[in-house]
Amino acid sequence: MATGIALCRHPLTQFGYERLAGRVNMRLLCHPEKSLASVTTGGVAPERVTVYEDYDVNSLVEYDAARLVEDEGCAGVIALSEVDIMRAASLRERYGVPGLRPATARLFRDKAAMKDRLADAGVSVPRYRTVETGLDLLSAARDFGFPFVVKPRLGGGSVGTRVVRDETELRALLAGGLQPSFYTPAHMEAEEFVDGELFHVDGLVLDGKVFLQTVSRYRSDILEFGAPLSTAMIDPDSGRAVELRGFTGRVLDVLGLLGGGAHSYFHCEVFVTSRGPVLCEVAARPGGLGIVDQVDAYFGVSTFDLLLDATFGTAPDGPAPEGSGVTGWVGIPKSFDPALVRSCVPEPHRALERVHRRSAGARQISSVDLDGFLVVRGGTADELESLLSEAVSRIALEVAR
């Protein structure tokens, strides 16, 4: 039986491997909390699951994965988190395993390299500069003016991202030092603040082609941690949806995800401005929180099962299934009773609820650091907007109490 390796910073309660039972002998290398391996091993025998403390920076993860490949061989490597994209790509290249390679993976991880490549190809991106010292931030303030954005080049989940609105906020940032953030040292980028509405395009690339995708709008500021967070699909037949699918396809093509036979999720964030679409950033991984389940609910499939089949077997021959209605989701704030969120949406419109963990008064530290989410289905984009507006308003009142 073939061996597969999964680098698991993703929750096994959501991304399980039961589908591969009897076909692929999986080995899971897991984050102790994010994987929820203490709750379930995702259909994999416990003796084939290894948990690593300090997973994000623990180099034993890739070392042990390499030894497993040498001892057992490897038919495929699964990686769904930012921190694992380069690890997996390096393993594939070293041992000749099919899939994304480091040269392409780096363009999806390093925001400066990403923007360099896209700008050279004529794709609209924010003006930006790399940041290593306080002098670089002084130059950013002079070049872009206030406000401007500072973020880790290799970050994710909005961790370490902040909008610097004036000289006072810039001085406060500098006084704290450019400290390590997420998985990286003081290795940042600054970019102009883009005044536009933020959309996200999410989907699955199989055999180097976009197999399915949805276009959605962030209904709240993803940097306002603690505020009720929600997103909603827009009408898939609208001119805006067509425009953003085309823009995203161009981004994926320029960065090398299309045409090479790779299998991967993608999550592309795009500002819509008066001058047209402008890339925020793009990742070769699934979107966080409710995005995967939102896409799955719309198409009536498991995109993760499709990815597993393509990685360890055969990609589907036919076209993607037709979607039904439109879907969105609303987040369950930390330490918030999921039943209260559930009560905010009429039962016929609740597509799926997922609670990853319950926390006792913990502070939200990233845009994806919530206790769960509720996927909502509407017959039309207008109906979905109405449902989510009502839910968010009621949740905000409860949070304020």
Protein backbone atom coordinates (compact mmCIF):
# COMPACT_ATOMS: atom_id res chain seq x y z
CA MET A 1 0.00 0.00 0.00
CA ALA A 2 1.29 3.47 -0.89
CA THR A 3 2.39 5.84 1.88
CA GLY A 4 1.20 9.43 2.11
CA ILE A 5 2.42 12.21 4.40
CA ALA A 6 0.28 15.01 5.82
CA LEU A 7 1.78 18.01 7.58
CA CYS A 8 -1.11 18.80 9.89
CA ARG A 9 -1.56 22.29 11.17
CA HIS A 10 -5.16 21.90 10.00
CA PRO A 11 -7.99 20.49 12.16
CA LEU A 12 -8.49 16.77 11.63
CA THR A 13 -12.11 17.21 12.69
CA GLN A 14 -12.60 19.05 9.39
CA PHE A 15 -9.89 17.62 7.14
CA GLY A 16 -9.89 13.89 7.88
CA TYR A 17 -8.33 11.02 5.95
CA GLU A 18 -11.02 8.35 6.30
CA ARG A 19 -11.53 8.39 2.53
CA LEU A 20 -8.06 6.92 1.99
CA ALA A 21 -8.55 3.91 4.29
CA GLY A 22 -7.39 0.75 2.54
CA ARG A 23 -5.79 2.74 -0.30
CA VAL A 24 -3.08 4.91 1.26
CA ASN A 25 -1.16 4.38 4.49
CA MET A 26 -1.08 7.92 5.85
CA ARG A 27 1.50 9.36 8.23
CA LEU A 28 0.40 12.50 10.09
CA LEU A 29 2.89 15.01 11.54
CA CYS A 30 0.76 17.26 13.73
CA HIS A 31 0.57 20.57 15.53
CA PRO A 32 -0.50 19.74 19.12
CA GLU A 33 -3.43 22.19 19.26
CA LYS A 34 -4.30 23.23 15.70
CA SER A 35 -4.59 19.65 14.42
CA LEU A 36 -6.99 18.62 17.21
CA ALA A 37 -5.17 15.27 17.16
CA SER A 38 -6.17 14.78 20.80
CA VAL A 39 -9.81 14.74 19.63
CA THR A 40 -9.47 12.61 16.49
CA THR A 41 -6.74 11.16 14.28
CA GLY A 42 -8.84 11.60 11.16
CA GLY A 43 -9.18 7.90 10.37
CA VAL A 44 -5.44 7.21 10.72
CA ALA A 45 -4.09 4.64 13.18
CA PRO A 46 -2.78 6.46 16.30
CA GLU A 47 0.65 4.85 15.99
CA ARG A 48 1.06 6.63 12.63
CA VAL A 49 0.40 10.06 14.17
CA THR A 50 3.23 12.14 15.66
CA VAL A 51 2.68 15.41 17.54
CA TYR A 52 5.39 18.09 17.71
CA GLU A 53 5.70 20.82 20.31
CA ASP A 54 6.60 24.24 18.86
CA TYR A 55 5.42 22.82 15.54
CA ASP A 56 5.76 26.04 13.53
CA VAL A 57 9.52 26.31 14.14
CA ASN A 58 10.36 22.69 14.96
CA SER A 59 12.71 21.43 12.24
CA LEU A 60 12.14 17.84 13.34
CA VAL A 61 8.89 18.03 11.37
CA GLU A 62 10.61 18.16 7.99
CA TYR A 63 13.50 15.95 9.19
CA ASP A 64 11.18 13.17 10.31
CA ALA A 65 9.09 13.54 7.16
CA ALA A 66 12.23 13.07 5.07
CA ARG A 67 13.18 9.93 6.99
CA LEU A 68 9.67 8.55 6.48
CA VAL A 69 9.96 9.09 2.73
CA GLU A 70 13.33 7.31 2.70
CA ASP A 71 12.00 4.39 4.77
CA GLU A 72 8.54 3.94 3.25
CA GLY A 73 8.45 5.90 0.00
CA CYS A 74 5.79 8.53 -0.59
CA ALA A 75 2.95 8.87 -3.08
CA GLY A 76 1.97 12.39 -2.05
CA VAL A 77 2.36 15.15 0.53
CA ILE A 78 -0.60 17.13 1.89
CA ALA A 79 -0.06 20.62 3.36
CA LEU A 80 -2.89 23.07 4.01
CA SER A 81 -1.23 25.73 6.17
CA GLU A 82 1.10 28.62 5.32
CA VAL A 83 3.86 27.28 7.57
CA ASP A 84 3.82 23.92 5.75
CA ILE A 85 3.70 25.05 2.11
CA MET A 86 7.49 25.39 1.74
CA ARG A 87 8.17 22.31 3.90
CA ALA A 88 6.00 20.18 1.63
CA ALA A 89 7.38 21.69 -1.58
CA SER A 90 10.97 21.01 -0.47
CA LEU A 91 10.13 17.39 0.36
CA ARG A 92 8.50 16.87 -3.03
CA GLU A 93 11.46 18.30 -4.91
CA ARG A 94 14.08 16.40 -2.90
CA TYR A 95 12.38 13.01 -3.36
CA GLY A 96 10.65 13.47 -6.72
CA VAL A 97 7.13 13.42 -5.28
CA PRO A 98 4.52 15.05 -7.59
CA GLY A 99 3.14 18.44 -6.61
CA LEU A 100 4.03 22.07 -5.95
CA ARG A 101 7.77 22.85 -6.04
CA PRO A 102 9.72 25.44 -3.96
CA ALA A 103 10.17 27.95 -6.79
CA THR A 104 6.39 28.26 -7.14
CA ALA A 105 5.59 27.84 -3.46
CA ARG A 106 7.89 30.74 -2.56
CA LEU A 107 5.88 33.10 -4.77
CA PHE A 108 2.76 32.25 -2.76
CA ARG A 109 4.54 32.61 0.60
CA ASP A 110 6.77 35.67 0.23
CA LYS A 111 4.55 38.70 -0.28
CA ALA A 112 7.38 40.81 -1.72
CA ALA A 113 8.44 38.14 -4.23
CA MET A 114 4.76 37.62 -5.10
CA LYS A 115 4.24 41.30 -5.87
CA ASP A 116 7.53 41.55 -7.77
CA ARG A 117 6.49 38.76 -10.14
CA LEU A 118 2.94 40.03 -10.60
CA ALA A 119 3.97 43.66 -11.13
CA ASP A 120 6.49 42.56 -13.77
CA ALA A 121 3.62 40.79 -15.57
CA GLY A 122 1.40 43.87 -15.46
CA VAL A 123 -0.97 42.64 -12.73
CA SER A 124 -2.17 45.46 -10.48
CA VAL A 125 -0.69 45.28 -6.95
CA PRO A 126 -0.26 47.90 -4.19
CA ARG A 127 2.94 49.95 -4.14
CA TYR A 128 5.20 48.26 -1.60
CA ARG A 129 8.71 48.03 -0.17
CA THR A 130 10.51 45.52 2.03
CA VAL A 131 11.13 46.46 5.66
CA GLU A 132 14.05 45.38 7.84
CA THR A 133 14.67 48.49 9.98
CA GLY A 134 12.97 51.60 11.27
CA LEU A 135 14.56 53.59 8.45
CA ASP A 136 12.63 51.46 5.96
CA LEU A 137 9.40 52.43 7.71
CA LEU A 138 10.41 56.09 7.54
CA SER A 139 10.83 55.65 3.79
CA ALA A 140 7.45 53.91 3.56
CA ALA A 141 5.75 56.81 5.33
CA ARG A 142 7.42 59.26 2.95
CA ASP A 143 6.65 57.18 -0.16
CA PHE A 144 3.06 56.17 0.60
CA GLY A 145 1.86 58.73 3.12
CA PHE A 146 -0.56 57.83 5.92
CA PRO A 147 -2.27 55.46 6.27
CA PHE A 148 -0.11 52.56 5.08
CA VAL A 149 0.00 48.84 5.90
CA VAL A 150 2.78 46.83 7.57
CA LYS A 151 2.73 43.02 7.49
CA PRO A 152 5.12 40.04 7.78
CA ARG A 153 6.38 38.94 4.37
CA LEU A 154 5.77 35.28 5.24
CA GLY A 155 2.80 35.68 7.58
CA GLY A 156 -0.78 34.53 7.39
CA GLY A 157 -4.15 34.90 9.11
CA SER A 158 -3.51 38.66 9.43
CA VAL A 159 -1.12 37.99 12.34
CA GLY A 160 1.25 40.94 12.70
CA THR A 161 -0.62 43.01 10.09
CA ARG A 162 -1.50 46.56 11.07
CA VAL A 163 -2.62 49.79 9.47
CA VAL A 164 -0.36 52.70 10.46
CA ARG A 165 -2.66 55.72 10.35
CA ASP A 166 -0.44 58.58 11.54
CA GLU A 167 2.91 59.59 13.02
CA THR A 168 1.79 58.64 16.53
CA GLU A 169 0.98 55.07 15.48
CA LEU A 170 4.24 54.83 13.54
CA ARG A 171 6.25 55.89 16.60
CA ALA A 172 4.39 53.36 18.75
CA LEU A 173 5.22 50.60 16.25
CA LEU A 174 8.88 51.60 16.17
CA ALA A 175 9.11 51.90 19.97
CA GLY A 176 8.07 48.26 20.29
CA GLY A 177 10.74 47.18 17.82
CA LEU A 178 10.24 45.07 14.73
CA GLN A 179 9.75 41.94 16.80
CA PRO A 180 9.37 38.39 15.50
CA SER A 181 5.87 37.85 14.18
CA PHE A 182 4.07 34.61 13.25
CA TYR A 183 6.88 32.28 12.06
CA THR A 184 9.38 34.88 10.89
CA PRO A 185 11.91 37.33 12.33
CA ALA A 186 11.73 41.06 11.62
CA HIS A 187 11.27 40.50 7.93
CA MET A 188 8.38 42.66 6.88
CA GLU A 189 6.92 44.63 4.04
CA ALA A 190 5.09 47.94 3.92
CA GLU A 191 2.56 48.79 1.27
CA GLU A 192 0.21 51.57 0.38
CA PHE A 193 -3.25 51.52 1.91
CA VAL A 194 -5.70 50.55 -0.82
CA ASP A 195 -9.09 52.22 -0.56
CA GLY A 196 -11.42 49.57 -1.91
CA GLU A 197 -13.86 46.82 -1.04
CA LEU A 198 -12.18 43.49 -0.25
CA PHE A 199 -13.33 40.30 -1.99
CA HIS A 200 -11.97 36.76 -1.85
CA VAL A 201 -11.92 34.12 -4.58
CA ASP A 202 -11.57 30.55 -3.35
CA GLY A 203 -11.31 27.26 -5.12
CA LEU A 204 -9.42 24.18 -6.14
CA VAL A 205 -6.81 23.61 -8.84
CA LEU A 206 -6.63 20.01 -10.08
CA ASP A 207 -4.08 18.90 -12.68
CA GLY A 208 -3.02 22.50 -13.11
CA LYS A 209 -6.52 23.78 -14.00
CA VAL A 210 -9.09 25.67 -11.93
CA PHE A 211 -11.72 23.02 -11.22
CA LEU A 212 -14.15 25.08 -9.14
CA GLN A 213 -14.25 28.48 -7.45
CA THR A 214 -16.50 30.98 -5.70
CA VAL A 215 -16.36 34.77 -5.36
CA SER A 216 -17.28 36.31 -2.01
CA ARG A 217 -17.17 39.64 -0.22
CA TYR A 218 -15.79 40.27 3.25
CA ARG A 219 -18.66 41.93 5.09
CA SER A 220 -16.46 43.26 7.91
CA ASP A 221 -12.90 44.43 8.47
CA ILE A 222 -10.74 41.32 8.98
CA LEU A 223 -8.27 43.37 11.04
CA GLU A 224 -10.91 44.36 13.61
CA PHE A 225 -10.30 41.38 15.88
CA GLY A 226 -13.28 40.70 18.11
CA ALA A 227 -15.86 42.22 15.75
CA PRO A 228 -18.46 39.81 14.29
CA LEU A 229 -16.86 38.45 11.12
CA SER A 230 -18.80 37.25 8.09
CA THR A 231 -18.48 36.80 4.35
CA ALA A 232 -21.01 36.26 1.58
CA MET A 233 -20.88 34.93 -1.95
CA ILE A 234 -21.89 37.39 -4.62
CA ASP A 235 -24.09 36.42 -7.57
CA PRO A 236 -21.85 34.03 -9.55
CA ASP A 237 -23.32 35.30 -12.83
CA SER A 238 -22.70 38.98 -12.07
CA GLY A 239 -20.20 41.05 -13.98
CA ARG A 240 -18.18 41.54 -10.79
CA ALA A 241 -17.87 37.78 -10.25
CA VAL A 242 -16.78 37.24 -13.85
CA GLU A 243 -14.21 40.04 -13.53
CA LEU A 244 -12.72 38.69 -10.29
CA ARG A 245 -12.57 35.10 -11.54
CA GLY A 246 -10.65 36.34 -14.57
CA PHE A 247 -8.30 38.45 -12.43
CA THR A 248 -7.62 35.53 -10.09
CA GLY A 249 -6.95 33.19 -12.99
CA ARG A 250 -4.35 35.64 -14.28
CA VAL A 251 -2.70 35.81 -10.84
CA LEU A 252 -2.56 32.01 -10.50
CA ASP A 253 -1.15 31.67 -14.01
CA VAL A 254 1.60 34.28 -13.53
CA LEU A 255 2.66 32.70 -10.22
CA GLY A 256 2.89 29.25 -11.79
CA LEU A 257 0.04 27.32 -10.19
CA LEU A 258 -1.71 26.65 -13.50
CA GLY A 259 -0.55 24.44 -16.34
CA GLY A 260 1.91 22.29 -14.41
CA GLY A 261 -0.28 19.46 -13.16
CA ALA A 262 -0.39 20.64 -9.52
CA HIS A 263 -3.29 19.99 -7.15
CA SER A 264 -3.93 22.77 -4.66
CA TYR A 265 -6.46 24.94 -2.91
CA PHE A 266 -6.17 28.68 -3.54
CA HIS A 267 -7.37 31.72 -1.61
CA CYS A 268 -7.06 35.07 -3.39
CA GLU A 269 -7.96 38.41 -1.78
CA VAL A 270 -8.66 41.28 -4.17
CA PHE A 271 -9.52 44.94 -3.63
CA VAL A 272 -12.10 46.39 -6.00
CA THR A 273 -11.17 50.02 -6.59
CA SER A 274 -12.01 52.84 -8.95
CA ARG A 275 -9.06 51.76 -11.09
CA GLY A 276 -10.15 48.11 -11.18
CA PRO A 277 -9.10 44.99 -9.23
CA VAL A 278 -5.91 45.26 -7.14
CA LEU A 279 -4.38 42.18 -5.53
CA CYS A 280 -4.24 42.13 -1.74
CA GLU A 281 -2.53 38.72 -1.56
CA VAL A 282 -2.96 35.12 -2.68
CA ALA A 283 -2.17 31.77 -1.06
CA ALA A 284 -1.82 28.18 -2.27
CA ARG A 285 -3.92 26.86 0.60
CA PRO A 286 -7.58 26.86 1.65
CA GLY A 287 -9.13 30.01 3.05
CA GLY A 288 -9.58 30.05 6.81
CA LEU A 289 -12.58 29.62 9.07
CA GLY A 290 -15.82 28.94 7.18
CA ILE A 291 -14.53 29.40 3.65
CA VAL A 292 -13.94 25.73 2.76
CA ASP A 293 -17.28 24.63 4.19
CA GLN A 294 -18.96 27.57 2.45
CA VAL A 295 -17.54 26.42 -0.90
CA ASP A 296 -18.39 22.78 -0.16
CA ALA A 297 -21.96 23.68 0.78
CA TYR A 298 -22.42 25.67 -2.43
CA PHE A 299 -21.18 22.89 -4.73
CA GLY A 300 -22.45 19.97 -2.65
CA VAL A 301 -19.04 18.27 -2.57
CA SER A 302 -16.07 17.79 -0.26
CA THR A 303 -13.24 19.75 -1.86
CA PHE A 304 -10.78 18.02 0.48
CA ASP A 305 -11.90 14.61 -0.77
CA LEU A 306 -11.40 15.87 -4.33
CA LEU A 307 -7.89 17.01 -3.40
CA LEU A 308 -7.08 13.65 -1.78
CA ASP A 309 -8.36 11.71 -4.80
CA ALA A 310 -6.29 13.85 -7.17
CA THR A 311 -3.15 13.61 -5.02
CA PHE A 312 -3.32 9.85 -4.45
CA GLY A 313 -5.33 8.67 -7.44
CA THR A 314 -7.13 10.39 -10.26
CA ALA A 315 -8.56 13.86 -10.65
CA PRO A 316 -12.24 13.94 -11.71
CA ASP A 317 -12.81 13.60 -15.46
CA GLY A 318 -15.95 15.68 -15.75
CA PRO A 319 -16.71 19.32 -14.97
CA ALA A 320 -17.35 20.66 -11.49
CA PRO A 321 -20.90 20.25 -10.17
CA GLU A 322 -23.35 23.12 -10.46
CA GLY A 323 -23.72 25.24 -7.34
CA SER A 324 -27.00 25.76 -5.50
CA GLY A 325 -28.17 29.18 -4.27
CA VAL A 326 -25.43 31.22 -2.60
CA THR A 327 -23.61 30.62 0.68
CA GLY A 328 -21.77 32.62 3.30
CA TRP A 329 -20.77 32.27 6.93
CA VAL A 330 -20.71 34.11 10.22
CA GLY A 331 -18.00 33.56 12.83
CA ILE A 332 -18.57 32.35 16.39
CA PRO A 333 -16.57 34.80 18.56
CA LYS A 334 -14.19 33.41 21.18
CA SER A 335 -15.88 32.26 24.40
CA PHE A 336 -19.28 32.77 22.76
CA ASP A 337 -22.11 30.27 23.05
CA PRO A 338 -22.59 28.68 19.59
CA ALA A 339 -26.29 28.23 20.37
CA LEU A 340 -26.71 32.01 20.39
CA VAL A 341 -25.20 32.26 16.91
CA ARG A 342 -27.41 29.40 15.74
CA SER A 343 -30.49 31.19 17.03
CA CYS A 344 -29.65 34.22 14.88
CA VAL A 345 -30.27 32.32 11.62
CA PRO A 346 -33.56 30.59 10.73
CA GLU A 347 -33.13 26.82 10.68
CA PRO A 348 -33.85 26.30 6.94
CA HIS A 349 -30.92 28.59 6.11
CA ARG A 350 -28.33 26.89 8.35
CA ALA A 351 -26.13 24.84 6.05
CA LEU A 352 -23.48 23.72 8.55
CA GLU A 353 -22.08 24.57 11.97
CA ARG A 354 -18.51 23.83 12.99
CA VAL A 355 -17.06 24.49 16.45
CA HIS A 356 -13.32 23.83 16.57
CA ARG A 357 -12.75 24.62 20.23
CA ARG A 358 -14.24 26.39 23.23
CA SER A 359 -11.94 28.85 24.95
CA ALA A 360 -12.25 30.46 28.37
CA GLY A 361 -11.77 34.19 27.90
CA ALA A 362 -8.88 33.87 25.43
CA ARG A 363 -8.06 36.89 23.29
CA GLN A 364 -8.43 36.75 19.51
CA ILE A 365 -4.97 37.15 17.92
CA SER A 366 -5.68 36.64 14.23
CA SER A 367 -8.49 36.92 11.71
CA VAL A 368 -9.03 33.13 11.85
CA ASP A 369 -8.77 32.80 15.63
CA LEU A 370 -12.44 32.26 16.42
CA ASP A 371 -14.27 29.39 18.10
CA GLY A 372 -16.07 28.32 14.94
CA PHE A 373 -18.59 29.44 12.36
CA LEU A 374 -22.05 28.89 10.95
CA VAL A 375 -22.47 28.45 7.19
CA VAL A 376 -25.60 30.18 5.89
CA ARG A 377 -27.44 29.50 2.62
CA GLY A 378 -29.64 31.94 0.71
CA GLY A 379 -31.64 31.53 -2.45
CA THR A 380 -30.23 34.78 -3.83
CA ALA A 381 -27.37 37.13 -2.98
CA ASP A 382 -29.86 39.68 -1.60
CA GLU A 383 -31.48 37.11 0.68
CA LEU A 384 -28.07 35.97 1.95
CA GLU A 385 -27.06 39.56 2.70
CA SER A 386 -30.26 40.07 4.68
CA LEU A 387 -29.73 36.87 6.70
CA LEU A 388 -26.12 37.71 7.53
CA SER A 389 -26.90 41.35 8.38
CA GLU A 390 -29.51 40.25 10.91
CA ALA A 391 -27.19 37.62 12.41
CA VAL A 392 -24.23 39.98 12.72
CA SER A 393 -26.37 42.70 14.34
CA ARG A 394 -27.71 40.30 16.96
CA ILE A 395 -24.26 38.84 17.68
CA ALA A 396 -22.80 42.34 18.07
CA LEU A 397 -25.47 43.16 20.65
CA GLU A 398 -24.69 39.99 22.62
CA VAL A 399 -20.94 40.66 22.48
CA ALA A 400 -21.50 44.21 23.75
CA ARG A 401 -23.36 42.83 26.77
